[in-house]
Amino acid sequence: MADEYEKMMKEMQKKMMEQMGIAMPEGFEDAYAEQAMAQQAAAAQMTGMSPDALAALMSEAMGEMNFDFEADAEEDDSDLIAFIEANPVPAEFDRLLPIGAFLIGTWGEPYETLAITSSSEEVAYALENGWGIESREEGLEMLESLMKGRHANSFKGRHEAMKAGRFDEVDGEDVEDYNLSVEGITEALSLPKNLVDNCTTLLAWDLERVGYLARLFVKIGYISEEEAWDWIQKAAAETKNTFNSWEEYIVSLLLGRGFAMGVAPEPYMVALDLLTDRRDFLESRPISNL
């Protein structure tokens, strides 16, 4: 049953990509299925059900789903436009919006506002279980750590070894994730390989998370909007000092994400959206203006 569930998850992901007009490398289907299987195992442990029993239940439920993405997208777009209009960004901060947009976009949240549609309960759960953050103090400590290059410093040695081809110095799983990240960047996003070769830091992964967490912290009341813009401004200044284009930033972000969490389709889907259909969002907010 587990094998059938994995096959079903791959087929569902492929169907979703096709209907959204996105072509992903074959490896992304495997990464998505592995992620789904891990979530299934965790859910089985929480519910006390066997993995096979839970897989059977989920397979039955998914078989009844109707993935009408076009109709859903129209309804979602209308709701998001109304939400953005109800939560305008002060003109002086509009240029800062790309910082955090890539990650908040994986939640299906709008890029054009600091506010998010997710509930406070959902945010609290994500922060507690994904980050171990349960208070303002812990949140601020994390923001400070990210601004100091929390992950960029940790991944520096592995990144340099991978670029130099010293694969024997790096864990096999890291090698696989790095190669899959490069494949996603050059094939799914159609970015030139020289951006990968010339990437010298994975700091964008840290800076992006500052903008992402700032949004979540406002939602849950850990920081004010004014404090959030202060933190995003700090991340934006570092972004401007480090990267010459959003393409450089995206490469650094995705390579860092690969080392930190492995490769999943969602960040690439958001990056592709921002590089193609929503490119105006980035072009109207160039790094040089941060």
Protein backbone atom coordinates (compact mmCIF):
# COMPACT_ATOMS: atom_id res chain seq x y z
CA MET A 1 0.00 0.00 0.00
CA ALA A 2 2.84 2.40 0.80
CA ASP A 3 4.27 1.88 -2.71
CA GLU A 4 0.86 2.59 -4.23
CA TYR A 5 0.55 5.73 -2.13
CA GLU A 6 3.97 6.96 -3.27
CA LYS A 7 3.04 6.33 -6.90
CA MET A 8 -0.24 8.19 -6.41
CA MET A 9 1.53 11.19 -4.87
CA LYS A 10 3.88 11.39 -7.86
CA GLU A 11 0.99 11.20 -10.30
CA MET A 12 -0.97 13.84 -8.39
CA GLN A 13 2.01 16.19 -8.33
CA LYS A 14 2.56 15.69 -12.05
CA LYS A 15 -1.10 16.46 -12.77
CA MET A 16 -0.97 19.59 -10.63
CA MET A 17 2.17 20.81 -12.43
CA GLU A 18 0.67 20.15 -15.87
CA GLN A 19 -2.55 22.01 -15.06
CA MET A 20 -0.59 24.96 -13.73
CA GLY A 21 1.65 24.95 -16.82
CA ILE A 22 4.82 24.15 -14.92
CA ALA A 23 7.34 21.53 -16.01
CA MET A 24 9.55 20.20 -13.23
CA PRO A 25 12.56 17.85 -13.51
CA GLU A 26 11.82 14.21 -12.77
CA GLY A 27 13.77 14.42 -9.54
CA PHE A 28 11.26 16.83 -8.09
CA GLU A 29 8.51 14.23 -8.33
CA ASP A 30 10.69 11.90 -6.26
CA ALA A 31 11.43 14.65 -3.74
CA TYR A 32 7.75 15.46 -3.41
CA ALA A 33 6.82 11.80 -2.94
CA GLU A 34 9.52 11.34 -0.30
CA GLN A 35 8.23 14.41 1.54
CA ALA A 36 4.67 13.06 1.38
CA MET A 37 5.79 9.66 2.68
CA ALA A 38 7.58 11.29 5.62
CA GLN A 39 4.46 13.28 6.45
CA GLN A 40 2.39 10.11 6.21
CA ALA A 41 4.69 8.32 8.66
CA ALA A 42 4.48 11.22 11.12
CA ALA A 43 0.70 11.31 10.82
CA ALA A 44 0.47 7.58 11.37
CA GLN A 45 2.51 7.89 14.56
CA MET A 46 0.28 10.70 15.83
CA THR A 47 -3.00 8.90 15.05
CA GLY A 48 -1.89 5.46 16.13
CA MET A 49 -2.85 4.05 12.73
CA SER A 50 -0.53 1.82 10.75
CA PRO A 51 1.13 3.55 7.75
CA ASP A 52 -0.68 1.20 5.35
CA ALA A 53 -4.07 1.89 6.94
CA LEU A 54 -3.50 5.63 6.79
CA ALA A 55 -2.29 5.39 3.18
CA ALA A 56 -5.45 3.52 2.24
CA LEU A 57 -7.61 6.17 3.91
CA MET A 58 -5.76 9.03 2.23
CA SER A 59 -5.82 7.29 -1.16
CA GLU A 60 -9.59 6.94 -0.91
CA ALA A 61 -9.98 10.60 0.05
CA MET A 62 -7.70 11.83 -2.72
CA GLY A 63 -9.48 9.68 -5.25
CA GLU A 64 -12.63 11.69 -4.52
CA MET A 65 -10.90 15.05 -4.96
CA ASN A 66 -11.54 17.18 -8.03
CA PHE A 67 -8.45 19.21 -8.91
CA ASP A 68 -10.12 22.03 -10.81
CA PHE A 69 -7.20 24.44 -10.52
CA GLU A 70 -8.49 26.93 -13.07
CA ALA A 71 -11.76 27.52 -11.21
CA ASP A 72 -10.01 27.54 -7.83
CA ALA A 73 -7.40 29.99 -9.10
CA GLU A 74 -10.03 32.48 -10.25
CA GLU A 75 -11.75 32.40 -6.86
CA ASP A 76 -8.45 32.59 -4.99
CA ASP A 77 -7.22 35.52 -7.12
CA SER A 78 -10.37 37.49 -6.36
CA ASP A 79 -10.02 36.84 -2.63
CA LEU A 80 -6.33 37.77 -2.61
CA ILE A 81 -6.89 41.01 -4.52
CA ALA A 82 -9.51 42.02 -1.97
CA PHE A 83 -7.16 41.08 0.88
CA ILE A 84 -4.28 43.09 -0.58
CA GLU A 85 -6.49 46.13 -1.07
CA ALA A 86 -7.66 45.84 2.54
CA ASN A 87 -4.05 45.66 3.80
CA PRO A 88 -2.06 48.28 1.88
CA VAL A 89 1.66 48.75 2.36
CA PRO A 90 2.99 52.25 3.12
CA ALA A 91 4.64 53.63 -0.01
CA GLU A 92 8.06 53.94 1.63
CA PHE A 93 8.14 50.20 2.37
CA ASP A 94 6.80 48.85 -0.91
CA ARG A 95 10.31 48.39 -2.34
CA LEU A 96 11.09 45.95 0.51
CA LEU A 97 8.31 43.46 -0.27
CA PRO A 98 10.42 40.90 -2.20
CA ILE A 99 12.33 40.06 1.00
CA GLY A 100 10.33 37.14 2.37
CA ALA A 101 8.00 36.92 -0.64
CA PHE A 102 9.54 33.72 -1.97
CA LEU A 103 8.91 31.76 1.23
CA ILE A 104 5.59 33.31 2.17
CA GLY A 105 4.50 32.47 -1.37
CA THR A 106 4.89 28.77 -0.58
CA TRP A 107 1.98 29.25 1.84
CA GLY A 108 -0.14 30.60 -1.01
CA GLU A 109 0.08 34.05 0.57
CA PRO A 110 0.16 37.28 -1.49
CA TYR A 111 3.48 38.97 -2.21
CA GLU A 112 2.13 42.52 -2.19
CA THR A 113 1.39 43.02 1.49
CA LEU A 114 2.92 42.42 4.89
CA ALA A 115 -0.32 40.85 6.13
CA ILE A 116 -1.09 37.17 5.64
CA THR A 117 -4.37 35.31 5.32
CA SER A 118 -3.37 32.33 7.48
CA SER A 119 -4.87 32.21 10.97
CA SER A 120 -2.93 33.00 14.14
CA GLU A 121 -3.43 29.36 15.18
CA GLU A 122 -1.84 28.09 11.97
CA VAL A 123 1.09 30.45 12.38
CA ALA A 124 1.60 29.53 16.04
CA TYR A 125 1.60 25.84 15.16
CA ALA A 126 4.13 26.35 12.34
CA LEU A 127 6.45 28.41 14.53
CA GLU A 128 6.32 26.01 17.45
CA ASN A 129 6.70 22.79 15.48
CA GLY A 130 8.88 24.00 12.63
CA TRP A 131 11.08 26.50 14.43
CA GLY A 132 10.75 25.84 18.17
CA ILE A 133 9.64 29.45 18.61
CA GLU A 134 7.00 30.05 21.28
CA SER A 135 7.63 33.63 22.43
CA ARG A 136 8.65 37.10 21.30
CA GLU A 137 12.06 36.66 22.89
CA GLU A 138 12.74 33.43 20.99
CA GLY A 139 11.53 35.07 17.79
CA LEU A 140 13.86 38.04 18.16
CA GLU A 141 16.78 35.75 18.95
CA MET A 142 16.12 33.88 15.70
CA LEU A 143 15.94 37.08 13.65
CA GLU A 144 19.25 38.25 15.13
CA SER A 145 20.84 34.87 14.38
CA LEU A 146 19.62 34.91 10.79
CA MET A 147 20.97 38.41 10.24
CA LYS A 148 24.38 37.14 11.36
CA GLY A 149 24.31 34.41 8.70
CA ARG A 150 23.07 31.53 10.84
CA HIS A 151 22.85 29.08 7.92
CA ALA A 152 25.26 30.68 5.47
CA ASN A 153 28.09 30.22 7.96
CA SER A 154 27.07 26.65 8.71
CA PHE A 155 26.85 25.64 5.04
CA LYS A 156 29.91 27.53 3.81
CA GLY A 157 32.34 24.60 3.97
CA ARG A 158 29.98 22.17 2.28
CA HIS A 159 29.08 24.69 -0.39
CA GLU A 160 32.72 25.40 -1.21
CA ALA A 161 33.50 21.68 -1.35
CA MET A 162 30.60 21.03 -3.72
CA LYS A 163 31.64 23.86 -6.04
CA ALA A 164 35.22 22.55 -6.09
CA GLY A 165 34.08 19.00 -6.84
CA ARG A 166 35.39 17.64 -3.53
CA PHE A 167 32.40 15.36 -3.09
CA ASP A 168 34.23 13.01 -0.73
CA GLU A 169 34.17 15.81 1.88
CA VAL A 170 30.39 16.09 1.81
CA ASP A 171 27.64 13.75 2.97
CA GLY A 172 26.06 11.80 0.13
CA GLU A 173 22.61 13.23 0.86
CA ASP A 174 23.99 16.77 0.63
CA VAL A 175 25.55 15.94 -2.73
CA GLU A 176 22.22 14.65 -4.01
CA ASP A 177 20.33 17.70 -2.72
CA TYR A 178 22.90 20.08 -4.21
CA ASN A 179 22.77 18.43 -7.62
CA LEU A 180 18.99 18.42 -7.57
CA SER A 181 18.99 22.10 -6.58
CA VAL A 182 21.28 22.93 -9.51
CA GLU A 183 19.01 20.94 -11.80
CA GLY A 184 15.97 22.83 -10.58
CA ILE A 185 17.69 26.21 -10.98
CA THR A 186 19.00 25.58 -14.48
CA GLU A 187 16.15 23.47 -15.88
CA ALA A 188 12.94 24.35 -14.03
CA LEU A 189 13.82 28.05 -13.73
CA SER A 190 15.99 28.23 -16.88
CA LEU A 191 18.61 30.33 -15.10
CA PRO A 192 22.17 30.22 -16.48
CA LYS A 193 24.61 27.80 -14.87
CA ASN A 194 27.14 30.59 -14.34
CA LEU A 195 24.87 32.01 -11.62
CA VAL A 196 25.36 28.76 -9.72
CA ASP A 197 29.10 28.68 -10.43
CA ASN A 198 29.54 32.28 -9.31
CA CYS A 199 27.44 31.96 -6.17
CA THR A 200 29.80 32.55 -3.24
CA THR A 201 27.34 32.74 -0.35
CA LEU A 202 24.07 31.17 0.73
CA LEU A 203 23.16 34.23 2.78
CA ALA A 204 19.92 34.78 0.84
CA TRP A 205 18.44 31.76 2.64
CA ASP A 206 18.95 33.59 5.95
CA LEU A 207 17.81 37.00 4.71
CA GLU A 208 14.70 35.57 3.08
CA ARG A 209 13.74 33.93 6.34
CA VAL A 210 13.99 37.27 8.12
CA GLY A 211 11.33 38.71 5.82
CA TYR A 212 9.27 35.55 6.12
CA LEU A 213 9.38 35.37 9.91
CA ALA A 214 8.69 39.09 10.25
CA ARG A 215 5.35 38.52 8.52
CA LEU A 216 4.52 35.57 10.76
CA PHE A 217 5.53 37.41 13.93
CA VAL A 218 3.24 40.33 13.09
CA LYS A 219 0.36 37.94 12.59
CA ILE A 220 0.85 36.30 15.97
CA GLY A 221 1.58 39.55 17.79
CA TYR A 222 5.25 38.94 18.62
CA ILE A 223 6.30 42.18 16.90
CA SER A 224 4.57 45.28 15.57
CA GLU A 225 4.39 46.18 11.87
CA GLU A 226 6.90 48.95 12.54
CA GLU A 227 9.34 46.46 14.03
CA ALA A 228 8.75 44.08 11.11
CA TRP A 229 9.68 46.76 8.57
CA ASP A 230 12.81 47.56 10.60
CA TRP A 231 13.92 43.93 10.39
CA ILE A 232 13.06 43.65 6.70
CA GLN A 233 14.96 46.88 6.04
CA LYS A 234 18.03 45.37 7.69
CA ALA A 235 17.73 42.25 5.54
CA ALA A 236 17.15 44.37 2.44
CA ALA A 237 20.28 46.44 3.08
CA GLU A 238 22.35 43.27 3.39
CA THR A 239 20.71 41.91 0.23
CA LYS A 240 21.66 45.05 -1.69
CA ASN A 241 25.26 44.83 -0.43
CA THR A 242 25.58 41.14 -1.36
CA PHE A 243 23.63 40.54 -4.58
CA ASN A 244 23.44 42.35 -7.91
CA SER A 245 20.12 40.92 -9.08
CA TRP A 246 17.11 38.97 -7.91
CA GLU A 247 18.36 36.06 -10.00
CA GLU A 248 21.55 35.91 -7.90
CA TYR A 249 19.45 36.12 -4.76
CA ILE A 250 17.16 33.29 -5.92
CA VAL A 251 20.11 31.00 -6.68
CA SER A 252 21.64 31.64 -3.25
CA LEU A 253 18.26 31.12 -1.58
CA LEU A 254 17.49 27.83 -3.33
CA LEU A 255 20.96 26.36 -2.84
CA GLY A 256 20.73 27.26 0.84
CA ARG A 257 17.28 25.74 1.08
CA GLY A 258 18.63 22.54 -0.46
CA PHE A 259 21.34 22.21 2.17
CA ALA A 260 18.95 23.09 5.00
CA MET A 261 15.82 21.14 4.14
CA GLY A 262 16.36 19.20 0.94
CA VAL A 263 14.58 19.96 -2.31
CA ALA A 264 10.81 20.37 -2.68
CA PRO A 265 8.77 21.72 -5.62
CA GLU A 266 7.00 24.58 -3.84
CA PRO A 267 9.91 27.10 -3.61
CA TYR A 268 10.70 26.51 -7.28
CA MET A 269 7.07 27.03 -8.24
CA VAL A 270 7.06 30.40 -6.45
CA ALA A 271 10.42 31.39 -7.94
CA LEU A 272 9.18 30.45 -11.42
CA ASP A 273 6.05 32.53 -10.89
CA LEU A 274 8.12 35.54 -9.83
CA LEU A 275 10.52 35.12 -12.76
CA THR A 276 7.79 34.75 -15.38
CA ASP A 277 4.10 35.57 -14.82
CA ARG A 278 4.78 37.92 -11.91
CA ARG A 279 8.13 39.24 -13.04
CA ASP A 280 6.74 42.78 -12.80
CA PHE A 281 6.70 42.35 -9.02
CA LEU A 282 10.50 42.06 -8.97
CA GLU A 283 11.27 44.41 -11.85
CA SER A 284 9.36 47.22 -10.18
CA ARG A 285 11.34 46.60 -6.98
CA PRO A 286 14.97 46.12 -8.12
CA ILE A 287 17.66 45.23 -5.64
CA SER A 288 19.41 48.52 -6.43
CA ASN A 289 16.44 50.36 -4.87
CA LEU A 290 16.43 48.46 -1.58
